């Protein structure tokens, strides 16, 4: 699968959502915000280890997080 800058991807084994910065046939450079450190992180990963996330998939995760926070407040 070919990735292009701006795609939202995730490791096939699971990870936070990652944003593609650059991509070749074999390597993909990604960026994400690491909440634990409050910093942006970047890394180059093998393209074969990534799956593209649909925007709807990413939105569903955000909604689940908001529901969990609402339950914690009660």
Protein backbone atom coordinates (compact mmCIF):
# COMPACT_ATOMS: atom_id res chain seq x y z
CA UNK A 1 0.00 0.00 0.00
CA UNK A 2 1.33 3.43 -0.91
CA UNK A 3 1.15 6.17 1.71
CA UNK A 4 1.14 9.90 1.03
CA UNK A 5 1.91 12.84 3.33
CA UNK A 6 -1.09 13.62 5.49
CA UNK A 7 -2.36 10.03 5.71
CA UNK A 8 -3.25 8.86 9.20
CA UNK A 9 -1.71 5.46 9.90
CA UNK A 10 -1.23 3.02 12.75
CA UNK A 11 1.12 0.13 13.40
CA UNK A 12 -0.53 -3.15 12.46
CA UNK A 13 0.24 -4.33 15.99
CA UNK A 14 -1.45 -1.26 17.47
CA UNK A 15 -0.26 2.25 18.27
CA UNK A 16 -1.51 5.80 18.56
CA UNK A 17 -2.61 7.47 15.34
CA UNK A 18 0.44 8.61 13.36
CA UNK A 19 0.56 11.22 10.59
CA UNK A 20 2.65 10.50 7.49
CA UNK A 21 5.22 13.21 6.78
CA UNK A 22 7.13 11.54 3.94
CA UNK A 23 6.86 8.14 2.30
CA UNK A 24 8.75 5.92 -0.10
CA UNK A 25 7.90 2.40 -1.25
CA UNK A 26 9.68 0.91 1.76
CA UNK A 27 9.89 3.56 4.53
CA UNK A 28 7.42 6.02 6.03
CA UNK A 29 8.36 8.97 8.23
CA UNK A 30 5.62 9.73 10.76
CA UNK A 31 4.89 12.30 13.47
CA UNK A 32 2.61 12.07 16.51
CA UNK A 33 2.00 13.88 19.79
CA UNK A 34 3.22 11.93 22.81
CA UNK A 35 0.86 12.97 25.58
CA UNK A 36 3.05 11.47 28.31
CA UNK A 37 5.93 13.83 27.48
CA UNK A 38 3.90 16.65 25.92
CA UNK A 39 6.14 16.60 22.84
CA UNK A 40 5.86 15.77 19.17
CA UNK A 41 7.81 12.69 18.15
CA UNK A 42 8.99 11.55 14.73
CA UNK A 43 10.23 8.20 13.50
CA UNK A 44 10.83 6.31 10.26
CA UNK A 45 9.00 2.99 10.05
CA UNK A 46 8.84 0.21 7.46
CA UNK A 47 5.77 0.70 5.27
CA UNK A 48 4.85 -2.98 5.61
CA UNK A 49 4.25 -2.46 9.36
CA UNK A 50 1.55 0.20 8.86
CA UNK A 51 -2.16 0.28 8.08
CA UNK A 52 -3.95 3.39 6.86
CA UNK A 53 -6.71 4.58 9.17
CA UNK A 54 -9.86 6.06 7.76
CA UNK A 55 -10.84 9.42 9.23
CA UNK A 56 -14.04 7.82 10.56
CA UNK A 57 -11.92 5.25 12.47
CA UNK A 58 -9.90 8.03 14.05
CA UNK A 59 -13.05 10.02 14.97
CA UNK A 60 -14.57 6.94 16.66
CA UNK A 61 -11.52 6.63 18.94
CA UNK A 62 -11.90 10.28 20.01
CA UNK A 63 -15.60 9.77 20.80
CA UNK A 64 -14.78 6.68 22.89
CA UNK A 65 -12.21 8.69 24.87
CA UNK A 66 -14.75 11.47 25.52
CA UNK A 67 -17.35 8.94 26.72
CA UNK A 68 -14.80 7.40 29.10
CA UNK A 69 -13.98 10.86 30.51
CA UNK A 70 -17.69 11.64 31.00
CA UNK A 71 -18.16 8.37 32.94
CA UNK A 72 -15.14 9.17 35.14
CA UNK A 73 -16.64 12.53 36.09
CA UNK A 74 -19.91 10.97 37.39
